[in-house]
Amino acid sequence: MSKPDNRADNAEHLQSHIDHTQANLQEAEDYLDEHASEISSVEKERIEAKNENRKNSIEAFVAEKIDEEQH
């Protein structure tokens, strides 16, 4: 028998994911600000692409958290 769906702490978990992803985004942006002239263009593009993915993830997490809070 499967466990019942307990969604009581989903919003809390989503907020944790949001906070963690925002911290990673900020850390990568700070790294680029400090070391952009020292890294290759390929590495810079890789970090920028990863940051774009992080921004998209944050938007999705926020939307999902809003949905969870309405239930």
PDB file of N, CA and C in Angstrom:
ATOM      1  N   MET A   1       0.839  -1.186   0.000  1.00  0.00           N
ATOM      2  CA  MET A   1       0.000   0.000   0.000  1.00  0.00           C
ATOM      3  C   MET A   1       0.884   1.251   0.000  1.00  0.00           C
ATOM      4  N   SER A   2       0.563   2.194  -0.833  1.00  0.00           N
ATOM      5  CA  SER A   2       1.372   3.402  -0.928  1.00  0.00           C
ATOM      6  C   SER A   2       1.021   4.383   0.188  1.00  0.00           C
ATOM      7  N   LYS A   3       1.983   5.242   0.464  1.00  0.00           N
ATOM      8  CA  LYS A   3       1.781   6.250   1.497  1.00  0.00           C
ATOM      9  C   LYS A   3       0.840   7.338   0.973  1.00  0.00           C
ATOM     10  N   PRO A   4       0.025   7.903   1.847  1.00  0.00           N
ATOM     11  CA  PRO A   4      -0.825   9.014   1.408  1.00  0.00           C
ATOM     12  C   PRO A   4       0.041  10.220   1.038  1.00  0.00           C
ATOM     13  N   ASP A   5      -0.456  11.045   0.144  1.00  0.00           N
ATOM     14  CA  ASP A   5       0.271  12.229  -0.310  1.00  0.00           C
ATOM     15  C   ASP A   5       0.236  13.293   0.780  1.00  0.00           C
ATOM     16  N   ASN A   6       1.377  13.505   1.430  1.00  0.00           N
ATOM     17  CA  ASN A   6       1.471  14.522   2.475  1.00  0.00           C
ATOM     18  C   ASN A   6       2.174  15.740   1.889  1.00  0.00           C
ATOM     19  N   ARG A   7       1.422  16.760   1.601  1.00  0.00           N
ATOM     20  CA  ARG A   7       1.957  17.961   0.969  1.00  0.00           C
ATOM     21  C   ARG A   7       2.167  19.085   1.975  1.00  0.00           C
ATOM     22  N   ALA A   8       2.098  18.760   3.250  1.00  0.00           N
ATOM     23  CA  ALA A   8       2.130  19.784   4.293  1.00  0.00           C
ATOM     24  C   ALA A   8       3.393  20.652   4.241  1.00  0.00           C
ATOM     25  N   ASP A   9       4.523  20.063   3.903  1.00  0.00           N
ATOM     26  CA  ASP A   9       5.767  20.839   3.932  1.00  0.00           C
ATOM     27  C   ASP A   9       6.334  21.136   2.543  1.00  0.00           C
ATOM     28  N   ASN A  10       5.536  20.953   1.511  1.00  0.00           N
ATOM     29  CA  ASN A  10       6.028  21.209   0.149  1.00  0.00           C
ATOM     30  C   ASN A  10       6.442  22.665  -0.047  1.00  0.00           C
ATOM     31  N   ALA A  11       5.648  23.610   0.438  1.00  0.00           N
ATOM     32  CA  ALA A  11       5.979  25.029   0.265  1.00  0.00           C
ATOM     33  C   ALA A  11       7.301  25.353   0.964  1.00  0.00           C
ATOM     34  N   GLU A  12       7.509  24.754   2.124  1.00  0.00           N
ATOM     35  CA  GLU A  12       8.760  24.967   2.858  1.00  0.00           C
ATOM     36  C   GLU A  12       9.957  24.412   2.075  1.00  0.00           C
ATOM     37  N   HIS A  13       9.795  23.231   1.505  1.00  0.00           N
ATOM     38  CA  HIS A  13      10.864  22.642   0.697  1.00  0.00           C
ATOM     39  C   HIS A  13      11.129  23.485  -0.552  1.00  0.00           C
ATOM     40  N   LEU A  14      10.083  23.971  -1.169  1.00  0.00           N
ATOM     41  CA  LEU A  14      10.258  24.804  -2.359  1.00  0.00           C
ATOM     42  C   LEU A  14      10.989  26.092  -2.003  1.00  0.00           C
ATOM     43  N   GLN A  15      10.665  26.696  -0.854  1.00  0.00           N
ATOM     44  CA  GLN A  15      11.364  27.912  -0.435  1.00  0.00           C
ATOM     45  C   GLN A  15      12.835  27.622  -0.218  1.00  0.00           C
ATOM     46  N   SER A  16      13.143  26.466   0.321  1.00  0.00           N
ATOM     47  CA  SER A  16      14.537  26.072   0.507  1.00  0.00           C
ATOM     48  C   SER A  16      15.257  25.970  -0.841  1.00  0.00           C
ATOM     49  N   HIS A  17      14.584  25.385  -1.823  1.00  0.00           N
ATOM     50  CA  HIS A  17      15.163  25.295  -3.171  1.00  0.00           C
ATOM     51  C   HIS A  17      15.363  26.685  -3.770  1.00  0.00           C
ATOM     52  N   ILE A  18      14.397  27.569  -3.568  1.00  0.00           N
ATOM     53  CA  ILE A  18      14.503  28.942  -4.077  1.00  0.00           C
ATOM     54  C   ILE A  18      15.715  29.632  -3.454  1.00  0.00           C
ATOM     55  N   ASP A  19      15.816  29.548  -2.135  1.00  0.00           N
ATOM     56  CA  ASP A  19      16.928  30.204  -1.428  1.00  0.00           C
ATOM     57  C   ASP A  19      18.278  29.670  -1.893  1.00  0.00           C
ATOM     58  N   HIS A  20      18.388  28.357  -2.019  1.00  0.00           N
ATOM     59  CA  HIS A  20      19.642  27.722  -2.424  1.00  0.00           C
ATOM     60  C   HIS A  20      20.023  28.127  -3.851  1.00  0.00           C
ATOM     61  N   THR A  21      19.045  28.132  -4.741  1.00  0.00           N
ATOM     62  CA  THR A  21      19.307  28.481  -6.141  1.00  0.00           C
ATOM     63  C   THR A  21      19.685  29.951  -6.268  1.00  0.00           C
ATOM     64  N   GLN A  22      19.013  30.822  -5.498  1.00  0.00           N
ATOM     65  CA  GLN A  22      19.369  32.243  -5.519  1.00  0.00           C
ATOM     66  C   GLN A  22      20.789  32.464  -5.002  1.00  0.00           C
ATOM     67  N   ALA A  23      21.169  31.719  -3.973  1.00  0.00           N
ATOM     68  CA  ALA A  23      22.528  31.843  -3.438  1.00  0.00           C
ATOM     69  C   ALA A  23      23.559  31.408  -4.474  1.00  0.00           C
ATOM     70  N   ASN A  24      23.286  30.311  -5.171  1.00  0.00           N
ATOM     71  CA  ASN A  24      24.202  29.846  -6.218  1.00  0.00           C
ATOM     72  C   ASN A  24      24.299  30.856  -7.355  1.00  0.00           C
ATOM     73  N   LEU A  25      23.171  31.425  -7.725  1.00  0.00           N
ATOM     74  CA  LEU A  25      23.135  32.440  -8.780  1.00  0.00           C
ATOM     75  C   LEU A  25      23.986  33.645  -8.380  1.00  0.00           C
ATOM     76  N   GLN A  26      23.796  34.129  -7.158  1.00  0.00           N
ATOM     77  CA  GLN A  26      24.544  35.293  -6.689  1.00  0.00           C
ATOM     78  C   GLN A  26      26.037  34.995  -6.609  1.00  0.00           C
ATOM     79  N   GLU A  27      26.372  33.808  -6.143  1.00  0.00           N
ATOM     80  CA  GLU A  27      27.777  33.424  -6.052  1.00  0.00           C
ATOM     81  C   GLU A  27      28.430  33.392  -7.434  1.00  0.00           C
ATOM     82  N   ALA A  28      27.724  32.855  -8.411  1.00  0.00           N
ATOM     83  CA  ALA A  28      28.265  32.794  -9.775  1.00  0.00           C
ATOM     84  C   ALA A  28      28.390  34.189 -10.380  1.00  0.00           C
ATOM     85  N   GLU A  29      27.406  35.055 -10.116  1.00  0.00           N
ATOM     86  CA  GLU A  29      27.483  36.431 -10.632  1.00  0.00           C
ATOM     87  C   GLU A  29      28.649  37.178  -9.995  1.00  0.00           C
ATOM     88  N   ASP A  30      28.837  36.985  -8.693  1.00  0.00           N
ATOM     89  CA  ASP A  30      29.973  37.615  -8.008  1.00  0.00           C
ATOM     90  C   ASP A  30      31.296  37.112  -8.578  1.00  0.00           C
ATOM     91  N   TYR A  31      31.359  35.808  -8.842  1.00  0.00           N
ATOM     92  CA  TYR A  31      32.566  35.216  -9.418  1.00  0.00           C
ATOM     93  C   TYR A  31      32.865  35.844 -10.780  1.00  0.00           C
ATOM     94  N   LEU A  32      31.825  35.989 -11.607  1.00  0.00           N
ATOM     95  CA  LEU A  32      32.033  36.598 -12.923  1.00  0.00           C
ATOM     96  C   LEU A  32      32.490  38.042 -12.797  1.00  0.00           C
ATOM     97  N   ASP A  33      31.885  38.788 -11.855  1.00  0.00           N
ATOM     98  CA  ASP A  33      32.283  40.180 -11.649  1.00  0.00           C
ATOM     99  C   ASP A  33      33.758  40.293 -11.271  1.00  0.00           C
ATOM    100  N   GLU A  34      34.222  39.366 -10.452  1.00  0.00           N
ATOM    101  CA  GLU A  34      35.595  39.433  -9.953  1.00  0.00           C
ATOM    102  C   GLU A  34      36.632  38.830 -10.898  1.00  0.00           C
ATOM    103  N   HIS A  35      36.220  37.838 -11.699  1.00  0.00           N
ATOM    104  CA  HIS A  35      37.205  37.074 -12.467  1.00  0.00           C
ATOM    105  C   HIS A  35      36.940  37.015 -13.973  1.00  0.00           C
ATOM    106  N   ALA A  36      36.035  37.825 -14.467  1.00  0.00           N
ATOM    107  CA  ALA A  36      35.671  37.753 -15.884  1.00  0.00           C
ATOM    108  C   ALA A  36      36.885  37.893 -16.804  1.00  0.00           C
ATOM    109  N   SER A  37      37.816  38.735 -16.426  1.00  0.00           N
ATOM    110  CA  SER A  37      38.989  38.935 -17.283  1.00  0.00           C
ATOM    111  C   SER A  37      39.997  37.785 -17.190  1.00  0.00           C
ATOM    112  N   GLU A  38      39.817  36.916 -16.217  1.00  0.00           N
ATOM    113  CA  GLU A  38      40.772  35.844 -15.991  1.00  0.00           C
ATOM    114  C   GLU A  38      40.315  34.494 -16.536  1.00  0.00           C
ATOM    115  N   ILE A  39      39.044  34.384 -16.937  1.00  0.00           N
ATOM    116  CA  ILE A  39      38.532  33.090 -17.397  1.00  0.00           C
ATOM    117  C   ILE A  39      38.286  33.130 -18.899  1.00  0.00           C
ATOM    118  N   SER A  40      38.234  31.961 -19.484  1.00  0.00           N
ATOM    119  CA  SER A  40      38.027  31.885 -20.933  1.00  0.00           C
ATOM    120  C   SER A  40      36.592  32.284 -21.287  1.00  0.00           C
ATOM    121  N   SER A  41      36.406  32.645 -22.524  1.00  0.00           N
ATOM    122  CA  SER A  41      35.070  33.014 -22.981  1.00  0.00           C
ATOM    123  C   SER A  41      34.123  31.819 -22.921  1.00  0.00           C
ATOM    124  N   VAL A  42      34.666  30.631 -23.127  1.00  0.00           N
ATOM    125  CA  VAL A  42      33.845  29.408 -23.048  1.00  0.00           C
ATOM    126  C   VAL A  42      33.342  29.213 -21.622  1.00  0.00           C
ATOM    127  N   GLU A  43      34.231  29.379 -20.662  1.00  0.00           N
ATOM    128  CA  GLU A  43      33.846  29.235 -19.250  1.00  0.00           C
ATOM    129  C   GLU A  43      32.835  30.310 -18.856  1.00  0.00           C
ATOM    130  N   LYS A  44      33.053  31.534 -19.319  1.00  0.00           N
ATOM    131  CA  LYS A  44      32.119  32.628 -19.023  1.00  0.00           C
ATOM    132  C   LYS A  44      30.734  32.314 -19.593  1.00  0.00           C
ATOM    133  N   GLU A  45      30.697  31.833 -20.824  1.00  0.00           N
ATOM    134  CA  GLU A  45      29.413  31.480 -21.449  1.00  0.00           C
ATOM    135  C   GLU A  45      28.739  30.326 -20.712  1.00  0.00           C
ATOM    136  N   ARG A  46      29.529  29.366 -20.230  1.00  0.00           N
ATOM    137  CA  ARG A  46      28.978  28.238 -19.481  1.00  0.00           C
ATOM    138  C   ARG A  46      28.327  28.713 -18.187  1.00  0.00           C
ATOM    139  N   ILE A  47      29.008  29.599 -17.481  1.00  0.00           N
ATOM    140  CA  ILE A  47      28.463  30.131 -16.227  1.00  0.00           C
ATOM    141  C   ILE A  47      27.213  30.960 -16.499  1.00  0.00           C
ATOM    142  N   GLU A  48      27.240  31.775 -17.543  1.00  0.00           N
ATOM    143  CA  GLU A  48      26.066  32.589 -17.885  1.00  0.00           C
ATOM    144  C   GLU A  48      24.873  31.717 -18.268  1.00  0.00           C
ATOM    145  N   ALA A  49      25.121  30.634 -19.001  1.00  0.00           N
ATOM    146  CA  ALA A  49      24.036  29.721 -19.370  1.00  0.00           C
ATOM    147  C   ALA A  49      23.469  29.033 -18.130  1.00  0.00           C
ATOM    148  N   LYS A  50      24.348  28.642 -17.238  1.00  0.00           N
ATOM    149  CA  LYS A  50      23.900  28.002 -16.003  1.00  0.00           C
ATOM    150  C   LYS A  50      23.069  28.980 -15.172  1.00  0.00           C
ATOM    151  N   ASN A  51      23.483  30.238 -15.144  1.00  0.00           N
ATOM    152  CA  ASN A  51      22.719  31.242 -14.413  1.00  0.00           C
ATOM    153  C   ASN A  51      21.352  31.474 -15.040  1.00  0.00           C
ATOM    154  N   GLU A  52      21.271  31.414 -16.341  1.00  0.00           N
ATOM    155  CA  GLU A  52      19.968  31.550 -17.011  1.00  0.00           C
ATOM    156  C   GLU A  52      19.064  30.389 -16.602  1.00  0.00           C
ATOM    157  N   ASN A  53      19.622  29.198 -16.546  1.00  0.00           N
ATOM    158  CA  ASN A  53      18.851  28.036 -16.084  1.00  0.00           C
ATOM    159  C   ASN A  53      18.402  28.225 -14.637  1.00  0.00           C
ATOM    160  N   ARG A  54      19.277  28.783 -13.819  1.00  0.00           N
ATOM    161  CA  ARG A  54      18.918  29.032 -12.416  1.00  0.00           C
ATOM    162  C   ARG A  54      17.755  30.019 -12.328  1.00  0.00           C
ATOM    163  N   LYS A  55      17.793  31.074 -13.127  1.00  0.00           N
ATOM    164  CA  LYS A  55      16.695  32.052 -13.121  1.00  0.00           C
ATOM    165  C   LYS A  55      15.382  31.384 -13.523  1.00  0.00           C
ATOM    166  N   ASN A  56      15.430  30.536 -14.533  1.00  0.00           N
ATOM    167  CA  ASN A  56      14.227  29.811 -14.962  1.00  0.00           C
ATOM    168  C   ASN A  56      13.731  28.884 -13.860  1.00  0.00           C
ATOM    169  N   SER A  57      14.646  28.228 -13.173  1.00  0.00           N
ATOM    170  CA  SER A  57      14.276  27.335 -12.076  1.00  0.00           C
ATOM    171  C   SER A  57      13.616  28.116 -10.942  1.00  0.00           C
ATOM    172  N   ILE A  58      14.173  29.258 -10.615  1.00  0.00           N
ATOM    173  CA  ILE A  58      13.599  30.075  -9.545  1.00  0.00           C
ATOM    174  C   ILE A  58      12.161  30.466  -9.900  1.00  0.00           C
ATOM    175  N   GLU A  59      11.938  30.888 -11.129  1.00  0.00           N
ATOM    176  CA  GLU A  59      10.583  31.244 -11.560  1.00  0.00           C
ATOM    177  C   GLU A  59       9.636  30.053 -11.414  1.00  0.00           C
ATOM    178  N   ALA A  60      10.086  28.880 -11.805  1.00  0.00           N
ATOM    179  CA  ALA A  60       9.256  27.677 -11.711  1.00  0.00           C
ATOM    180  C   ALA A  60       8.991  27.315 -10.246  1.00  0.00           C
ATOM    181  N   PHE A  61      10.022  27.410  -9.400  1.00  0.00           N
ATOM    182  CA  PHE A  61       9.840  27.114  -7.979  1.00  0.00           C
ATOM    183  C   PHE A  61       8.832  28.069  -7.344  1.00  0.00           C
ATOM    184  N   VAL A  62       8.936  29.358  -7.680  1.00  0.00           N
ATOM    185  CA  VAL A  62       8.017  30.354  -7.126  1.00  0.00           C
ATOM    186  C   VAL A  62       6.582  30.049  -7.558  1.00  0.00           C
ATOM    187  N   ALA A  63       6.388  29.744  -8.819  1.00  0.00           N
ATOM    188  CA  ALA A  63       5.047  29.417  -9.313  1.00  0.00           C
ATOM    189  C   ALA A  63       4.500  28.172  -8.616  1.00  0.00           C
ATOM    190  N   GLU A  64       5.351  27.176  -8.436  1.00  0.00           N
ATOM    191  CA  GLU A  64       4.913  25.946  -7.778  1.00  0.00           C
ATOM    192  C   GLU A  64       4.604  26.202  -6.303  1.00  0.00           C
ATOM    193  N   LYS A  65       5.403  27.054  -5.658  1.00  0.00           N
ATOM    194  CA  LYS A  65       5.157  27.386  -4.248  1.00  0.00           C
ATOM    195  C   LYS A  65       3.816  28.101  -4.096  1.00  0.00           C
ATOM    196  N   ILE A  66       3.528  29.034  -4.991  1.00  0.00           N
ATOM    197  CA  ILE A  66       2.239  29.744  -4.950  1.00  0.00           C
ATOM    198  C   ILE A  66       1.096  28.737  -5.104  1.00  0.00           C
ATOM    199  N   ASP A  67       1.259  27.799  -6.021  1.00  0.00           N
ATOM    200  CA  ASP A  67       0.248  26.767  -6.221  1.00  0.00           C
ATOM    201  C   ASP A  67       0.069  25.914  -4.955  1.00  0.00           C
ATOM    202  N   GLU A  68       1.168  25.538  -4.344  1.00  0.00           N
ATOM    203  CA  GLU A  68       1.110  24.724  -3.123  1.00  0.00           C
ATOM    204  C   GLU A  68       0.420  25.470  -1.986  1.00  0.00           C
ATOM    205  N   GLU A  69       0.690  26.762  -1.874  1.00  0.00           N
ATOM    206  CA  GLU A  69       0.108  27.558  -0.781  1.00  0.00           C
ATOM    207  C   GLU A  69      -1.399  27.751  -0.952  1.00  0.00           C
ATOM    208  N   GLN A  70      -1.895  27.566  -2.144  1.00  0.00           N
ATOM    209  CA  GLN A  70      -3.330  27.706  -2.390  1.00  0.00           C
ATOM    210  C   GLN A  70      -4.090  26.437  -2.038  1.00  0.00           C
ATOM    211  N   HIS A  71      -3.395  25.344  -1.759  1.00  0.00           N
ATOM    212  CA  HIS A  71      -4.064  24.086  -1.416  1.00  0.00           C
ATOM    213  C   HIS A  71      -4.113  23.856   0.051  1.00  0.00           C
TER     214      HIS A  71
END
